[in-house]
């Protein structure tokens, strides 16, 4: 039953100049996504191709495209001009 569900995320950011970007992510259910993500990160760390000790976010470790590389992920980014509505 868990495999059939999906997660839907929405986010918006605005910089000091008023430029805004919003986006949506459709992903497998909330339990499967962290497992897949953790498995890929662990496999990468085990290759030994990691920076010296210290904290790294998944993006710093593997690059910004990690989310889009996961199976079942759909990402949509919308950029809006400064001062315009949603």
PDB file of N, CA and C in Angstrom:
ATOM      1  N   UNK A   1       0.818  -1.184   0.000  1.00  0.00           N
ATOM      2  CA  UNK A   1       0.000   0.000   0.000  1.00  0.00           C
ATOM      3  C   UNK A   1       0.870   1.260   0.000  1.00  0.00           C
ATOM      4  N   UNK A   2       1.972   1.266   0.732  1.00  0.00           N
ATOM      5  CA  UNK A   2       2.835   2.448   0.780  1.00  0.00           C
ATOM      6  C   UNK A   2       3.375   2.822  -0.589  1.00  0.00           C
ATOM      7  N   UNK A   3       3.697   1.843  -1.407  1.00  0.00           N
ATOM      8  CA  UNK A   3       4.300   2.113  -2.706  1.00  0.00           C
ATOM      9  C   UNK A   3       3.376   2.884  -3.641  1.00  0.00           C
ATOM     10  N   UNK A   4       2.087   2.844  -3.397  1.00  0.00           N
ATOM     11  CA  UNK A   4       1.142   3.496  -4.285  1.00  0.00           C
ATOM     12  C   UNK A   4       1.012   4.990  -4.020  1.00  0.00           C
ATOM     13  N   UNK A   5       1.386   5.463  -2.850  1.00  0.00           N
ATOM     14  CA  UNK A   5       1.207   6.868  -2.503  1.00  0.00           C
ATOM     15  C   UNK A   5       2.252   7.767  -3.144  1.00  0.00           C
ATOM     16  N   UNK A   6       1.996   9.057  -3.115  1.00  0.00           N
ATOM     17  CA  UNK A   6       2.928  10.055  -3.620  1.00  0.00           C
ATOM     18  C   UNK A   6       3.042  11.193  -2.619  1.00  0.00           C
ATOM     19  N   UNK A   7       4.135  11.918  -2.722  1.00  0.00           N
ATOM     20  CA  UNK A   7       4.334  13.125  -1.930  1.00  0.00           C
ATOM     21  C   UNK A   7       4.362  14.304  -2.887  1.00  0.00           C
ATOM     22  N   UNK A   8       3.793  15.401  -2.457  1.00  0.00           N
ATOM     23  CA  UNK A   8       3.770  16.618  -3.261  1.00  0.00           C
ATOM     24  C   UNK A   8       4.352  17.743  -2.415  1.00  0.00           C
ATOM     25  N   UNK A   9       5.377  18.407  -2.945  1.00  0.00           N
ATOM     26  CA  UNK A   9       6.026  19.490  -2.225  1.00  0.00           C
ATOM     27  C   UNK A   9       5.940  20.767  -3.052  1.00  0.00           C
ATOM     28  N   UNK A  10       5.818  21.895  -2.386  1.00  0.00           N
ATOM     29  CA  UNK A  10       5.816  23.189  -3.048  1.00  0.00           C
ATOM     30  C   UNK A  10       6.677  24.128  -2.229  1.00  0.00           C
ATOM     31  N   UNK A  11       7.450  24.962  -2.899  1.00  0.00           N
ATOM     32  CA  UNK A  11       8.276  25.929  -2.189  1.00  0.00           C
ATOM     33  C   UNK A  11       8.398  27.214  -2.978  1.00  0.00           C
ATOM     34  N   UNK A  12       8.699  28.304  -2.275  1.00  0.00           N
ATOM     35  CA  UNK A  12       8.864  29.611  -2.908  1.00  0.00           C
ATOM     36  C   UNK A  12       9.977  30.355  -2.197  1.00  0.00           C
ATOM     37  N   UNK A  13      10.831  31.028  -2.962  1.00  0.00           N
ATOM     38  CA  UNK A  13      11.876  31.881  -2.402  1.00  0.00           C
ATOM     39  C   UNK A  13      11.803  33.244  -3.078  1.00  0.00           C
ATOM     40  N   UNK A  14      12.156  34.285  -2.316  1.00  0.00           N
ATOM     41  CA  UNK A  14      12.187  35.656  -2.827  1.00  0.00           C
ATOM     42  C   UNK A  14      13.492  36.279  -2.357  1.00  0.00           C
ATOM     43  N   UNK A  15      14.259  36.879  -3.295  1.00  0.00           N
ATOM     44  CA  UNK A  15      15.497  37.531  -2.877  1.00  0.00           C
ATOM     45  C   UNK A  15      15.231  38.996  -2.532  1.00  0.00           C
ATOM     46  N   UNK A  16      16.268  39.703  -2.099  1.00  0.00           N
ATOM     47  CA  UNK A  16      16.115  41.097  -1.676  1.00  0.00           C
ATOM     48  C   UNK A  16      15.670  42.008  -2.809  1.00  0.00           C
ATOM     49  N   UNK A  17      15.940  41.640  -4.049  1.00  0.00           N
ATOM     50  CA  UNK A  17      15.535  42.448  -5.202  1.00  0.00           C
ATOM     51  C   UNK A  17      14.089  42.168  -5.609  1.00  0.00           C
ATOM     52  N   UNK A  18      13.449  41.230  -4.942  1.00  0.00           N
ATOM     53  CA  UNK A  18      12.065  40.906  -5.263  1.00  0.00           C
ATOM     54  C   UNK A  18      11.900  39.814  -6.297  1.00  0.00           C
ATOM     55  N   UNK A  19      12.994  39.270  -6.783  1.00  0.00           N
ATOM     56  CA  UNK A  19      12.901  38.172  -7.750  1.00  0.00           C
ATOM     57  C   UNK A  19      12.463  36.920  -7.010  1.00  0.00           C
ATOM     58  N   UNK A  20      11.482  36.272  -7.551  1.00  0.00           N
ATOM     59  CA  UNK A  20      10.960  35.084  -6.868  1.00  0.00           C
ATOM     60  C   UNK A  20      10.985  33.864  -7.774  1.00  0.00           C
ATOM     61  N   UNK A  21      11.147  32.756  -7.151  1.00  0.00           N
ATOM     62  CA  UNK A  21      11.130  31.473  -7.833  1.00  0.00           C
ATOM     63  C   UNK A  21      10.289  30.530  -6.992  1.00  0.00           C
ATOM     64  N   UNK A  22       9.456  29.774  -7.658  1.00  0.00           N
ATOM     65  CA  UNK A  22       8.684  28.759  -6.946  1.00  0.00           C
ATOM     66  C   UNK A  22       8.833  27.452  -7.703  1.00  0.00           C
ATOM     67  N   UNK A  23       8.547  26.391  -7.039  1.00  0.00           N
ATOM     68  CA  UNK A  23       8.673  25.100  -7.686  1.00  0.00           C
ATOM     69  C   UNK A  23       7.873  24.029  -6.981  1.00  0.00           C
ATOM     70  N   UNK A  24       7.655  22.968  -7.706  1.00  0.00           N
ATOM     71  CA  UNK A  24       6.952  21.822  -7.151  1.00  0.00           C
ATOM     72  C   UNK A  24       7.768  20.561  -7.394  1.00  0.00           C
ATOM     73  N   UNK A  25       7.611  19.622  -6.504  1.00  0.00           N
ATOM     74  CA  UNK A  25       8.236  18.313  -6.639  1.00  0.00           C
ATOM     75  C   UNK A  25       7.155  17.272  -6.388  1.00  0.00           C
ATOM     76  N   UNK A  26       7.029  16.337  -7.312  1.00  0.00           N
ATOM     77  CA  UNK A  26       6.174  15.174  -7.116  1.00  0.00           C
ATOM     78  C   UNK A  26       7.115  13.995  -6.923  1.00  0.00           C
ATOM     79  N   UNK A  27       6.907  13.250  -5.859  1.00  0.00           N
ATOM     80  CA  UNK A  27       7.842  12.185  -5.498  1.00  0.00           C
ATOM     81  C   UNK A  27       7.077  10.950  -5.046  1.00  0.00           C
ATOM     82  N   UNK A  28       7.782   9.815  -5.004  1.00  0.00           N
ATOM     83  CA  UNK A  28       7.174   8.618  -4.431  1.00  0.00           C
ATOM     84  C   UNK A  28       6.767   8.899  -2.986  1.00  0.00           C
ATOM     85  N   UNK A  29       6.107   7.977  -2.386  1.00  0.00           N
ATOM     86  CA  UNK A  29       5.613   8.207  -1.021  1.00  0.00           C
ATOM     87  C   UNK A  29       6.735   8.623  -0.076  1.00  0.00           C
ATOM     88  N   UNK A  30       6.352   9.245   1.002  1.00  0.00           N
ATOM     89  CA  UNK A  30       7.315   9.850   1.923  1.00  0.00           C
ATOM     90  C   UNK A  30       8.243   8.852   2.595  1.00  0.00           C
ATOM     91  N   UNK A  31       7.926   7.577   2.568  1.00  0.00           N
ATOM     92  CA  UNK A  31       8.797   6.575   3.180  1.00  0.00           C
ATOM     93  C   UNK A  31       9.846   6.065   2.197  1.00  0.00           C
ATOM     94  N   UNK A  32       9.506   5.959   0.926  1.00  0.00           N
ATOM     95  CA  UNK A  32      10.432   5.418  -0.070  1.00  0.00           C
ATOM     96  C   UNK A  32      11.519   6.417  -0.451  1.00  0.00           C
ATOM     97  N   UNK A  33      11.195   7.689  -0.525  1.00  0.00           N
ATOM     98  CA  UNK A  33      12.154   8.697  -0.977  1.00  0.00           C
ATOM     99  C   UNK A  33      13.390   8.786  -0.087  1.00  0.00           C
ATOM    100  N   UNK A  34      13.268   8.890   1.233  1.00  0.00           N
ATOM    101  CA  UNK A  34      14.473   8.956   2.064  1.00  0.00           C
ATOM    102  C   UNK A  34      15.327   7.692   1.973  1.00  0.00           C
ATOM    103  N   UNK A  35      14.696   6.547   1.820  1.00  0.00           N
ATOM    104  CA  UNK A  35      15.448   5.290   1.702  1.00  0.00           C
ATOM    105  C   UNK A  35      16.280   5.306   0.425  1.00  0.00           C
ATOM    106  N   UNK A  36      15.683   5.680  -0.685  1.00  0.00           N
ATOM    107  CA  UNK A  36      16.403   5.743  -1.964  1.00  0.00           C
ATOM    108  C   UNK A  36      17.530   6.762  -1.887  1.00  0.00           C
ATOM    109  N   UNK A  37      17.250   7.911  -1.320  1.00  0.00           N
ATOM    110  CA  UNK A  37      18.243   8.972  -1.201  1.00  0.00           C
ATOM    111  C   UNK A  37      19.413   8.523  -0.324  1.00  0.00           C
ATOM    112  N   UNK A  38      19.123   7.944   0.830  1.00  0.00           N
ATOM    113  CA  UNK A  38      20.172   7.485   1.742  1.00  0.00           C
ATOM    114  C   UNK A  38      21.016   6.382   1.111  1.00  0.00           C
ATOM    115  N   UNK A  39      20.386   5.507   0.352  1.00  0.00           N
ATOM    116  CA  UNK A  39      21.115   4.428  -0.314  1.00  0.00           C
ATOM    117  C   UNK A  39      22.108   4.991  -1.324  1.00  0.00           C
ATOM    118  N   UNK A  40      21.689   5.965  -2.114  1.00  0.00           N
ATOM    119  CA  UNK A  40      22.593   6.571  -3.102  1.00  0.00           C
ATOM    120  C   UNK A  40      23.741   7.322  -2.434  1.00  0.00           C
ATOM    121  N   UNK A  41      23.439   8.043  -1.373  1.00  0.00           N
ATOM    122  CA  UNK A  41      24.483   8.790  -0.673  1.00  0.00           C
ATOM    123  C   UNK A  41      25.485   7.831  -0.044  1.00  0.00           C
ATOM    124  N   UNK A  42      25.003   6.776   0.585  1.00  0.00           N
ATOM    125  CA  UNK A  42      25.889   5.785   1.197  1.00  0.00           C
ATOM    126  C   UNK A  42      26.775   5.130   0.150  1.00  0.00           C
ATOM    127  N   UNK A  43      26.207   4.760  -0.982  1.00  0.00           N
ATOM    128  CA  UNK A  43      26.996   4.150  -2.059  1.00  0.00           C
ATOM    129  C   UNK A  43      28.089   5.107  -2.528  1.00  0.00           C
ATOM    130  N   UNK A  44      27.770   6.385  -2.633  1.00  0.00           N
ATOM    131  CA  UNK A  44      28.769   7.373  -3.053  1.00  0.00           C
ATOM    132  C   UNK A  44      29.885   7.492  -2.016  1.00  0.00           C
ATOM    133  N   UNK A  45      29.528   7.549  -0.748  1.00  0.00           N
ATOM    134  CA  UNK A  45      30.531   7.660   0.314  1.00  0.00           C
ATOM    135  C   UNK A  45      31.445   6.440   0.315  1.00  0.00           C
ATOM    136  N   UNK A  46      30.889   5.265   0.080  1.00  0.00           N
ATOM    137  CA  UNK A  46      31.690   4.036   0.082  1.00  0.00           C
ATOM    138  C   UNK A  46      32.677   3.963  -1.079  1.00  0.00           C
ATOM    139  N   UNK A  47      32.494   4.771  -2.117  1.00  0.00           N
ATOM    140  CA  UNK A  47      33.463   4.800  -3.221  1.00  0.00           C
ATOM    141  C   UNK A  47      34.751   5.477  -2.797  1.00  0.00           C
ATOM    142  N   UNK A  48      34.703   6.224  -1.684  1.00  0.00           N
ATOM    143  CA  UNK A  48      35.886   6.925  -1.210  1.00  0.00           C
ATOM    144  C   UNK A  48      36.094   8.276  -1.868  1.00  0.00           C
ATOM    145  N   UNK A  49      35.211   8.677  -2.750  1.00  0.00           N
ATOM    146  CA  UNK A  49      35.346   9.950  -3.470  1.00  0.00           C
ATOM    147  C   UNK A  49      34.631  11.074  -2.724  1.00  0.00           C
ATOM    148  N   UNK A  50      35.042  11.291  -1.492  1.00  0.00           N
ATOM    149  CA  UNK A  50      34.402  12.323  -0.676  1.00  0.00           C
ATOM    150  C   UNK A  50      35.467  13.270  -0.137  1.00  0.00           C
ATOM    151  N   UNK A  51      35.083  14.512   0.140  1.00  0.00           N
ATOM    152  CA  UNK A  51      36.037  15.465   0.714  1.00  0.00           C
ATOM    153  C   UNK A  51      36.478  15.014   2.106  1.00  0.00           C
ATOM    154  N   UNK A  52      37.509  15.661   2.652  1.00  0.00           N
ATOM    155  CA  UNK A  52      37.939  15.335   4.015  1.00  0.00           C
ATOM    156  C   UNK A  52      36.781  15.457   5.000  1.00  0.00           C
ATOM    157  N   UNK A  53      36.999  14.963   6.194  1.00  0.00           N
ATOM    158  CA  UNK A  53      35.953  14.936   7.225  1.00  0.00           C
ATOM    159  C   UNK A  53      35.264  16.284   7.378  1.00  0.00           C
ATOM    160  N   UNK A  54      34.011  16.221   7.750  1.00  0.00           N
ATOM    161  CA  UNK A  54      33.226  17.430   7.972  1.00  0.00           C
ATOM    162  C   UNK A  54      31.814  17.235   7.465  1.00  0.00           C
ATOM    163  N   UNK A  55      30.956  18.127   7.870  1.00  0.00           N
ATOM    164  CA  UNK A  55      29.545  18.043   7.496  1.00  0.00           C
ATOM    165  C   UNK A  55      29.347  18.447   6.041  1.00  0.00           C
ATOM    166  N   UNK A  56      28.511  17.720   5.332  1.00  0.00           N
ATOM    167  CA  UNK A  56      28.134  18.048   3.953  1.00  0.00           C
ATOM    168  C   UNK A  56      26.650  17.768   3.787  1.00  0.00           C
ATOM    169  N   UNK A  57      25.943  18.669   3.143  1.00  0.00           N
ATOM    170  CA  UNK A  57      24.561  18.378   2.763  1.00  0.00           C
ATOM    171  C   UNK A  57      24.615  17.443   1.565  1.00  0.00           C
ATOM    172  N   UNK A  58      23.534  16.741   1.248  1.00  0.00           N
ATOM    173  CA  UNK A  58      23.541  15.897   0.054  1.00  0.00           C
ATOM    174  C   UNK A  58      23.909  16.674  -1.211  1.00  0.00           C
ATOM    175  N   UNK A  59      23.452  17.921  -1.322  1.00  0.00           N
ATOM    176  CA  UNK A  59      23.766  18.729  -2.499  1.00  0.00           C
ATOM    177  C   UNK A  59      25.250  19.048  -2.572  1.00  0.00           C
ATOM    178  N   UNK A  60      25.869  19.384  -1.441  1.00  0.00           N
ATOM    179  CA  UNK A  60      27.302  19.661  -1.452  1.00  0.00           C
ATOM    180  C   UNK A  60      28.108  18.407  -1.768  1.00  0.00           C
ATOM    181  N   UNK A  61      27.630  17.271  -1.354  1.00  0.00           N
ATOM    182  CA  UNK A  61      28.347  16.019  -1.570  1.00  0.00           C
ATOM    183  C   UNK A  61      28.190  15.499  -2.996  1.00  0.00           C
ATOM    184  N   UNK A  62      26.972  15.562  -3.528  1.00  0.00           N
ATOM    185  CA  UNK A  62      26.682  14.930  -4.818  1.00  0.00           C
ATOM    186  C   UNK A  62      26.251  15.892  -5.920  1.00  0.00           C
ATOM    187  N   UNK A  63      26.092  17.150  -5.607  1.00  0.00           N
ATOM    188  CA  UNK A  63      25.668  18.119  -6.618  1.00  0.00           C
ATOM    189  C   UNK A  63      24.171  18.365  -6.589  1.00  0.00           C
ATOM    190  N   UNK A  64      23.759  19.426  -7.257  1.00  0.00           N
ATOM    191  CA  UNK A  64      22.371  19.861  -7.230  1.00  0.00           C
ATOM    192  C   UNK A  64      21.390  18.997  -7.977  1.00  0.00           C
ATOM    193  N   UNK A  65      21.855  18.056  -8.771  1.00  0.00           N
ATOM    194  CA  UNK A  65      20.947  17.241  -9.564  1.00  0.00           C
ATOM    195  C   UNK A  65      20.486  15.955  -8.905  1.00  0.00           C
ATOM    196  N   UNK A  66      20.871  15.730  -7.656  1.00  0.00           N
ATOM    197  CA  UNK A  66      20.549  14.459  -6.997  1.00  0.00           C
ATOM    198  C   UNK A  66      19.055  14.175  -6.991  1.00  0.00           C
ATOM    199  N   UNK A  67      18.265  15.146  -6.633  1.00  0.00           N
ATOM    200  CA  UNK A  67      16.822  14.926  -6.537  1.00  0.00           C
ATOM    201  C   UNK A  67      16.237  14.491  -7.876  1.00  0.00           C
ATOM    202  N   UNK A  68      16.642  15.169  -8.949  1.00  0.00           N
ATOM    203  CA  UNK A  68      16.104  14.834 -10.267  1.00  0.00           C
ATOM    204  C   UNK A  68      16.547  13.461 -10.759  1.00  0.00           C
ATOM    205  N   UNK A  69      17.634  12.939 -10.212  1.00  0.00           N
ATOM    206  CA  UNK A  69      18.134  11.625 -10.630  1.00  0.00           C
ATOM    207  C   UNK A  69      17.405  10.467  -9.958  1.00  0.00           C
ATOM    208  N   UNK A  70      16.678  10.738  -8.901  1.00  0.00           N
ATOM    209  CA  UNK A  70      15.981   9.666  -8.193  1.00  0.00           C
ATOM    210  C   UNK A  70      14.768   9.208  -8.992  1.00  0.00           C
ATOM    211  N   UNK A  71      14.479   7.911  -8.990  1.00  0.00           N
ATOM    212  CA  UNK A  71      13.346   7.404  -9.767  1.00  0.00           C
ATOM    213  C   UNK A  71      12.013   7.940  -9.248  1.00  0.00           C
ATOM    214  N   UNK A  72      11.144   8.299 -10.173  1.00  0.00           N
ATOM    215  CA  UNK A  72       9.805   8.748  -9.816  1.00  0.00           C
ATOM    216  C   UNK A  72       9.700  10.202  -9.402  1.00  0.00           C
ATOM    217  N   UNK A  73      10.783  10.967  -9.531  1.00  0.00           N
ATOM    218  CA  UNK A  73      10.795  12.374  -9.133  1.00  0.00           C
ATOM    219  C   UNK A  73      10.494  13.256 -10.340  1.00  0.00           C
ATOM    220  N   UNK A  74       9.614  14.215 -10.142  1.00  0.00           N
ATOM    221  CA  UNK A  74       9.303  15.205 -11.181  1.00  0.00           C
ATOM    222  C   UNK A  74       9.437  16.583 -10.544  1.00  0.00           C
ATOM    223  N   UNK A  75      10.342  17.405 -11.097  1.00  0.00           N
ATOM    224  CA  UNK A  75      10.613  18.731 -10.557  1.00  0.00           C
ATOM    225  C   UNK A  75      10.194  19.776 -11.581  1.00  0.00           C
ATOM    226  N   UNK A  76       9.494  20.811 -11.117  1.00  0.00           N
ATOM    227  CA  UNK A  76       9.118  21.929 -11.990  1.00  0.00           C
ATOM    228  C   UNK A  76       9.491  23.223 -11.275  1.00  0.00           C
ATOM    229  N   UNK A  77      10.284  24.071 -11.937  1.00  0.00           N
ATOM    230  CA  UNK A  77      10.706  25.353 -11.379  1.00  0.00           C
ATOM    231  C   UNK A  77      10.106  26.466 -12.232  1.00  0.00           C
ATOM    232  N   UNK A  78       9.492  27.447 -11.574  1.00  0.00           N
ATOM    233  CA  UNK A  78       8.915  28.608 -12.254  1.00  0.00           C
ATOM    234  C   UNK A  78       9.589  29.861 -11.718  1.00  0.00           C
ATOM    235  N   UNK A  79      10.162  30.659 -12.618  1.00  0.00           N
ATOM    236  CA  UNK A  79      10.754  31.924 -12.198  1.00  0.00           C
ATOM    237  C   UNK A  79       9.780  33.039 -12.508  1.00  0.00           C
ATOM    238  N   UNK A  80       9.638  33.965 -11.569  1.00  0.00           N
ATOM    239  CA  UNK A  80       8.725  35.094 -11.719  1.00  0.00           C
ATOM    240  C   UNK A  80       9.535  36.380 -11.676  1.00  0.00           C
ATOM    241  N   UNK A  81       9.176  37.339 -12.501  1.00  0.00           N
ATOM    242  CA  UNK A  81       9.856  38.632 -12.496  1.00  0.00           C
ATOM    243  C   UNK A  81       9.535  39.387 -11.215  1.00  0.00           C
ATOM    244  N   UNK A  82      10.433  40.291 -10.836  1.00  0.00           N
ATOM    245  CA  UNK A  82      10.230  41.085  -9.625  1.00  0.00           C
ATOM    246  C   UNK A  82       8.918  41.847  -9.701  1.00  0.00           C
ATOM    247  N   UNK A  83       8.183  41.805  -8.605  1.00  0.00           N
ATOM    248  CA  UNK A  83       6.951  42.572  -8.506  1.00  0.00           C
ATOM    249  C   UNK A  83       5.737  41.942  -9.155  1.00  0.00           C
ATOM    250  N   UNK A  84       5.888  40.823  -9.790  1.00  0.00           N
ATOM    251  CA  UNK A  84       4.744  40.169 -10.431  1.00  0.00           C
ATOM    252  C   UNK A  84       4.094  39.200  -9.473  1.00  0.00           C
ATOM    253  N   UNK A  85       2.840  38.912  -9.706  1.00  0.00           N
ATOM    254  CA  UNK A  85       2.094  37.986  -8.859  1.00  0.00           C
ATOM    255  C   UNK A  85       2.420  36.549  -9.155  1.00  0.00           C
ATOM    256  N   UNK A  86       1.787  35.683  -8.422  1.00  0.00           N
ATOM    257  CA  UNK A  86       2.001  34.236  -8.566  1.00  0.00           C
ATOM    258  C   UNK A  86       1.434  33.740  -9.855  1.00  0.00           C
TER     259      UNK A  86
END
